[in-house]
């Protein structure tokens, strides 16, 4: 069975560097944020990330995100 939502390819390191420079110049964000909530560049290890389909249940009193 194919995934209902396709996984888009991650940019290679050179492309990430170019995108990060352009994003910094224009003030746009990548959709990633640092620990302080500020927009962050593409992570260097993004090509090692794997999607997960395991739903997680938050601890009581914790927001679901």
PDB file of N, CA and C in Angstrom:
ATOM      1  N   UNK A   1       0.842  -1.177   0.000  1.00  0.00           N
ATOM      2  CA  UNK A   1       0.000   0.000   0.000  1.00  0.00           C
ATOM      3  C   UNK A   1       0.886   1.238   0.000  1.00  0.00           C
ATOM      4  N   UNK A   2       0.536   2.196  -0.794  1.00  0.00           N
ATOM      5  CA  UNK A   2       1.310   3.439  -0.829  1.00  0.00           C
ATOM      6  C   UNK A   2       0.803   4.411   0.222  1.00  0.00           C
ATOM      7  N   UNK A   3       1.693   5.253   0.634  1.00  0.00           N
ATOM      8  CA  UNK A   3       1.354   6.246   1.646  1.00  0.00           C
ATOM      9  C   UNK A   3       0.376   7.272   1.062  1.00  0.00           C
ATOM     10  N   UNK A   4      -0.667   7.647   1.806  1.00  0.00           N
ATOM     11  CA  UNK A   4      -1.605   8.650   1.303  1.00  0.00           C
ATOM     12  C   UNK A   4      -0.985  10.038   1.190  1.00  0.00           C
ATOM     13  N   UNK A   5       0.066  10.277   1.947  1.00  0.00           N
ATOM     14  CA  UNK A   5       0.760  11.559   1.858  1.00  0.00           C
ATOM     15  C   UNK A   5       2.193  11.286   1.425  1.00  0.00           C
ATOM     16  N   UNK A   6       2.584  11.733   0.249  1.00  0.00           N
ATOM     17  CA  UNK A   6       3.951  11.453  -0.224  1.00  0.00           C
ATOM     18  C   UNK A   6       4.975  12.194   0.623  1.00  0.00           C
ATOM     19  N   UNK A   7       6.137  11.584   0.775  1.00  0.00           N
ATOM     20  CA  UNK A   7       7.229  12.207   1.525  1.00  0.00           C
ATOM     21  C   UNK A   7       8.109  12.947   0.531  1.00  0.00           C
ATOM     22  N   UNK A   8       8.184  14.250   0.674  1.00  0.00           N
ATOM     23  CA  UNK A   8       8.972  15.063  -0.236  1.00  0.00           C
ATOM     24  C   UNK A   8      10.458  14.850   0.046  1.00  0.00           C
ATOM     25  N   UNK A   9      11.281  14.893  -0.984  1.00  0.00           N
ATOM     26  CA  UNK A   9      12.724  14.714  -0.765  1.00  0.00           C
ATOM     27  C   UNK A   9      13.297  15.912  -0.019  1.00  0.00           C
ATOM     28  N   UNK A  10      14.287  15.654   0.823  1.00  0.00           N
ATOM     29  CA  UNK A  10      14.958  16.731   1.541  1.00  0.00           C
ATOM     30  C   UNK A  10      16.040  17.314   0.638  1.00  0.00           C
ATOM     31  N   UNK A  11      16.286  18.606   0.731  1.00  0.00           N
ATOM     32  CA  UNK A  11      17.361  19.181  -0.071  1.00  0.00           C
ATOM     33  C   UNK A  11      18.724  18.665   0.403  1.00  0.00           C
ATOM     34  N   UNK A  12      19.665  18.547  -0.535  1.00  0.00           N
ATOM     35  CA  UNK A  12      21.004  18.098  -0.158  1.00  0.00           C
ATOM     36  C   UNK A  12      21.704  19.221   0.613  1.00  0.00           C
ATOM     37  N   UNK A  13      22.858  18.931   1.254  1.00  0.00           N
ATOM     38  CA  UNK A  13      23.511  19.956   2.086  1.00  0.00           C
ATOM     39  C   UNK A  13      23.802  21.270   1.356  1.00  0.00           C
ATOM     40  N   UNK A  14      24.256  21.201   0.105  1.00  0.00           N
ATOM     41  CA  UNK A  14      24.552  22.443  -0.629  1.00  0.00           C
ATOM     42  C   UNK A  14      23.274  23.239  -0.874  1.00  0.00           C
ATOM     43  N   UNK A  15      22.195  22.546  -1.222  1.00  0.00           N
ATOM     44  CA  UNK A  15      20.913  23.225  -1.448  1.00  0.00           C
ATOM     45  C   UNK A  15      20.380  23.811  -0.139  1.00  0.00           C
ATOM     46  N   UNK A  16      20.541  23.088   0.986  1.00  0.00           N
ATOM     47  CA  UNK A  16      20.099  23.618   2.284  1.00  0.00           C
ATOM     48  C   UNK A  16      20.852  24.892   2.625  1.00  0.00           C
ATOM     49  N   UNK A  17      22.163  24.901   2.348  1.00  0.00           N
ATOM     50  CA  UNK A  17      22.957  26.098   2.640  1.00  0.00           C
ATOM     51  C   UNK A  17      22.461  27.272   1.807  1.00  0.00           C
ATOM     52  N   UNK A  18      22.165  27.037   0.521  1.00  0.00           N
ATOM     53  CA  UNK A  18      21.653  28.094  -0.343  1.00  0.00           C
ATOM     54  C   UNK A  18      20.290  28.575   0.145  1.00  0.00           C
ATOM     55  N   UNK A  19      19.410  27.620   0.508  1.00  0.00           N
ATOM     56  CA  UNK A  19      18.080  27.988   1.002  1.00  0.00           C
ATOM     57  C   UNK A  19      18.161  28.760   2.314  1.00  0.00           C
ATOM     58  N   UNK A  20      19.030  28.314   3.220  1.00  0.00           N
ATOM     59  CA  UNK A  20      19.167  29.007   4.502  1.00  0.00           C
ATOM     60  C   UNK A  20      19.657  30.437   4.306  1.00  0.00           C
ATOM     61  N   UNK A  21      20.604  30.636   3.389  1.00  0.00           N
ATOM     62  CA  UNK A  21      21.098  31.989   3.123  1.00  0.00           C
ATOM     63  C   UNK A  21      19.973  32.852   2.551  1.00  0.00           C
ATOM     64  N   UNK A  22      19.197  32.296   1.636  1.00  0.00           N
ATOM     65  CA  UNK A  22      18.088  33.050   1.048  1.00  0.00           C
ATOM     66  C   UNK A  22      17.017  33.356   2.095  1.00  0.00           C
ATOM     67  N   UNK A  23      16.739  32.399   2.953  1.00  0.00           N
ATOM     68  CA  UNK A  23      15.726  32.610   3.981  1.00  0.00           C
ATOM     69  C   UNK A  23      16.162  33.670   4.975  1.00  0.00           C
ATOM     70  N   UNK A  24      17.443  33.675   5.326  1.00  0.00           N
ATOM     71  CA  UNK A  24      17.961  34.689   6.242  1.00  0.00           C
ATOM     72  C   UNK A  24      17.856  36.073   5.613  1.00  0.00           C
ATOM     73  N   UNK A  25      18.148  36.155   4.330  1.00  0.00           N
ATOM     74  CA  UNK A  25      18.100  37.428   3.624  1.00  0.00           C
ATOM     75  C   UNK A  25      16.683  37.983   3.547  1.00  0.00           C
ATOM     76  N   UNK A  26      15.720  37.104   3.278  1.00  0.00           N
ATOM     77  CA  UNK A  26      14.337  37.566   3.089  1.00  0.00           C
ATOM     78  C   UNK A  26      13.529  37.594   4.377  1.00  0.00           C
ATOM     79  N   UNK A  27      14.061  37.017   5.443  1.00  0.00           N
ATOM     80  CA  UNK A  27      13.331  36.993   6.707  1.00  0.00           C
ATOM     81  C   UNK A  27      12.263  35.921   6.770  1.00  0.00           C
ATOM     82  N   UNK A  28      12.279  34.990   5.837  1.00  0.00           N
ATOM     83  CA  UNK A  28      11.314  33.893   5.811  1.00  0.00           C
ATOM     84  C   UNK A  28      11.799  32.784   6.736  1.00  0.00           C
ATOM     85  N   UNK A  29      10.883  31.943   7.226  1.00  0.00           N
ATOM     86  CA  UNK A  29      11.333  30.829   8.063  1.00  0.00           C
ATOM     87  C   UNK A  29      11.150  29.496   7.347  1.00  0.00           C
ATOM     88  N   UNK A  30      11.846  28.468   7.851  1.00  0.00           N
ATOM     89  CA  UNK A  30      11.854  27.137   7.242  1.00  0.00           C
ATOM     90  C   UNK A  30      10.747  26.243   7.763  1.00  0.00           C
ATOM     91  N   UNK A  31      10.127  26.655   8.853  1.00  0.00           N
ATOM     92  CA  UNK A  31       9.181  25.763   9.506  1.00  0.00           C
ATOM     93  C   UNK A  31       9.844  25.030  10.670  1.00  0.00           C
ATOM     94  N   UNK A  32      11.124  25.308  10.895  1.00  0.00           N
ATOM     95  CA  UNK A  32      11.849  24.754  12.037  1.00  0.00           C
ATOM     96  C   UNK A  32      12.134  25.896  12.998  1.00  0.00           C
ATOM     97  N   UNK A  33      12.111  25.597  14.281  1.00  0.00           N
ATOM     98  CA  UNK A  33      12.362  26.616  15.293  1.00  0.00           C
ATOM     99  C   UNK A  33      13.365  26.103  16.300  1.00  0.00           C
ATOM    100  N   UNK A  34      14.143  27.012  16.889  1.00  0.00           N
ATOM    101  CA  UNK A  34      15.108  26.606  17.907  1.00  0.00           C
ATOM    102  C   UNK A  34      14.403  26.455  19.256  1.00  0.00           C
ATOM    103  N   UNK A  35      15.174  26.158  20.281  1.00  0.00           N
ATOM    104  CA  UNK A  35      14.607  25.919  21.608  1.00  0.00           C
ATOM    105  C   UNK A  35      13.962  27.154  22.223  1.00  0.00           C
ATOM    106  N   UNK A  36      14.228  28.320  21.649  1.00  0.00           N
ATOM    107  CA  UNK A  36      13.664  29.562  22.166  1.00  0.00           C
ATOM    108  C   UNK A  36      12.504  30.067  21.318  1.00  0.00           C
ATOM    109  N   UNK A  37      12.080  29.265  20.321  1.00  0.00           N
ATOM    110  CA  UNK A  37      10.951  29.637  19.494  1.00  0.00           C
ATOM    111  C   UNK A  37      11.269  30.542  18.322  1.00  0.00           C
ATOM    112  N   UNK A  38      12.553  30.762  18.074  1.00  0.00           N
ATOM    113  CA  UNK A  38      12.957  31.593  16.933  1.00  0.00           C
ATOM    114  C   UNK A  38      13.077  30.734  15.686  1.00  0.00           C
ATOM    115  N   UNK A  39      12.790  31.281  14.502  1.00  0.00           N
ATOM    116  CA  UNK A  39      12.979  30.514  13.268  1.00  0.00           C
ATOM    117  C   UNK A  39      14.419  30.017  13.167  1.00  0.00           C
ATOM    118  N   UNK A  40      14.573  28.786  12.724  1.00  0.00           N
ATOM    119  CA  UNK A  40      15.889  28.165  12.621  1.00  0.00           C
ATOM    120  C   UNK A  40      16.114  27.671  11.191  1.00  0.00           C
ATOM    121  N   UNK A  41      17.383  27.518  10.787  1.00  0.00           N
ATOM    122  CA  UNK A  41      17.667  27.003   9.452  1.00  0.00           C
ATOM    123  C   UNK A  41      17.363  25.508   9.358  1.00  0.00           C
ATOM    124  N   UNK A  42      17.467  24.979   8.142  1.00  0.00           N
ATOM    125  CA  UNK A  42      17.288  23.538   7.953  1.00  0.00           C
ATOM    126  C   UNK A  42      18.293  22.800   8.828  1.00  0.00           C
ATOM    127  N   UNK A  43      17.875  21.742   9.534  1.00  0.00           N
ATOM    128  CA  UNK A  43      18.822  20.946  10.328  1.00  0.00           C
ATOM    129  C   UNK A  43      19.826  20.235   9.413  1.00  0.00           C
ATOM    130  N   UNK A  44      21.077  20.138   9.865  1.00  0.00           N
ATOM    131  CA  UNK A  44      22.106  19.470   9.066  1.00  0.00           C
ATOM    132  C   UNK A  44      21.831  17.980   8.894  1.00  0.00           C
ATOM    133  N   UNK A  45      21.142  17.375   9.850  1.00  0.00           N
ATOM    134  CA  UNK A  45      20.903  15.923   9.794  1.00  0.00           C
ATOM    135  C   UNK A  45      19.512  15.562   9.266  1.00  0.00           C
ATOM    136  N   UNK A  46      18.852  16.465   8.566  1.00  0.00           N
ATOM    137  CA  UNK A  46      17.478  16.212   8.126  1.00  0.00           C
ATOM    138  C   UNK A  46      17.383  14.995   7.216  1.00  0.00           C
ATOM    139  N   UNK A  47      18.440  14.716   6.429  1.00  0.00           N
ATOM    140  CA  UNK A  47      18.390  13.570   5.536  1.00  0.00           C
ATOM    141  C   UNK A  47      18.477  12.241   6.286  1.00  0.00           C
ATOM    142  N   UNK A  48      18.738  12.275   7.579  1.00  0.00           N
ATOM    143  CA  UNK A  48      18.767  11.061   8.392  1.00  0.00           C
ATOM    144  C   UNK A  48      17.453  10.848   9.145  1.00  0.00           C
ATOM    145  N   UNK A  49      16.543  11.791   9.062  1.00  0.00           N
ATOM    146  CA  UNK A  49      15.257  11.673   9.740  1.00  0.00           C
ATOM    147  C   UNK A  49      14.403  10.647   9.015  1.00  0.00           C
ATOM    148  N   UNK A  50      13.597   9.940   9.763  1.00  0.00           N
ATOM    149  CA  UNK A  50      12.662   8.992   9.163  1.00  0.00           C
ATOM    150  C   UNK A  50      11.263   9.302   9.669  1.00  0.00           C
ATOM    151  N   UNK A  51      10.272   9.206   8.786  1.00  0.00           N
ATOM    152  CA  UNK A  51       8.904   9.466   9.227  1.00  0.00           C
ATOM    153  C   UNK A  51       8.422   8.360  10.169  1.00  0.00           C
ATOM    154  N   UNK A  52       7.526   8.701  11.028  1.00  0.00           N
ATOM    155  CA  UNK A  52       6.965   7.718  11.941  1.00  0.00           C
ATOM    156  C   UNK A  52       5.453   7.774  11.844  1.00  0.00           C
ATOM    157  N   UNK A  53       4.860   6.638  12.001  1.00  0.00           N
ATOM    158  CA  UNK A  53       3.399   6.604  11.964  1.00  0.00           C
ATOM    159  C   UNK A  53       2.836   6.208  13.321  1.00  0.00           C
ATOM    160  N   UNK A  54       3.715   6.159  14.323  1.00  0.00           N
ATOM    161  CA  UNK A  54       3.264   5.805  15.668  1.00  0.00           C
ATOM    162  C   UNK A  54       2.593   7.007  16.319  1.00  0.00           C
ATOM    163  N   UNK A  55       1.303   6.905  16.571  1.00  0.00           N
ATOM    164  CA  UNK A  55       0.663   8.024  17.276  1.00  0.00           C
ATOM    165  C   UNK A  55       1.158   8.072  18.719  1.00  0.00           C
ATOM    166  N   UNK A  56       1.367   9.244  19.196  1.00  0.00           N
ATOM    167  CA  UNK A  56       1.803   9.386  20.586  1.00  0.00           C
ATOM    168  C   UNK A  56       0.690  10.000  21.400  1.00  0.00           C
ATOM    169  N   UNK A  57       0.613   9.587  22.603  1.00  0.00           N
ATOM    170  CA  UNK A  57      -0.373  10.128  23.526  1.00  0.00           C
ATOM    171  C   UNK A  57       0.367  11.026  24.507  1.00  0.00           C
ATOM    172  N   UNK A  58      -0.011  12.292  24.584  1.00  0.00           N
ATOM    173  CA  UNK A  58       0.701  13.176  25.509  1.00  0.00           C
ATOM    174  C   UNK A  58       0.434  12.802  26.955  1.00  0.00           C
ATOM    175  N   UNK A  59       1.378  13.152  27.793  1.00  0.00           N
ATOM    176  CA  UNK A  59       1.202  12.957  29.228  1.00  0.00           C
ATOM    177  C   UNK A  59       0.035  13.826  29.701  1.00  0.00           C
ATOM    178  N   UNK A  60      -0.661  13.426  30.743  1.00  0.00           N
ATOM    179  CA  UNK A  60      -1.751  14.249  31.256  1.00  0.00           C
ATOM    180  C   UNK A  60      -1.262  15.670  31.569  1.00  0.00           C
ATOM    181  N   UNK A  61      -2.019  16.639  31.108  1.00  0.00           N
ATOM    182  CA  UNK A  61      -1.672  18.033  31.353  1.00  0.00           C
ATOM    183  C   UNK A  61      -0.721  18.617  30.326  1.00  0.00           C
ATOM    184  N   UNK A  62      -0.259  17.822  29.346  1.00  0.00           N
ATOM    185  CA  UNK A  62       0.650  18.312  28.319  1.00  0.00           C
ATOM    186  C   UNK A  62      -0.111  18.597  27.023  1.00  0.00           C
ATOM    187  N   UNK A  63       0.272  19.646  26.287  1.00  0.00           N
ATOM    188  CA  UNK A  63      -0.398  19.922  25.018  1.00  0.00           C
ATOM    189  C   UNK A  63      -0.103  18.817  23.997  1.00  0.00           C
ATOM    190  N   UNK A  64      -0.992  18.553  23.070  1.00  0.00           N
ATOM    191  CA  UNK A  64      -0.813  17.452  22.124  1.00  0.00           C
ATOM    192  C   UNK A  64       0.073  17.787  20.918  1.00  0.00           C
ATOM    193  N   UNK A  65       1.119  18.549  21.099  1.00  0.00           N
ATOM    194  CA  UNK A  65       2.019  18.851  19.995  1.00  0.00           C
ATOM    195  C   UNK A  65       3.443  18.899  20.484  1.00  0.00           C
TER     196      UNK A  65
END
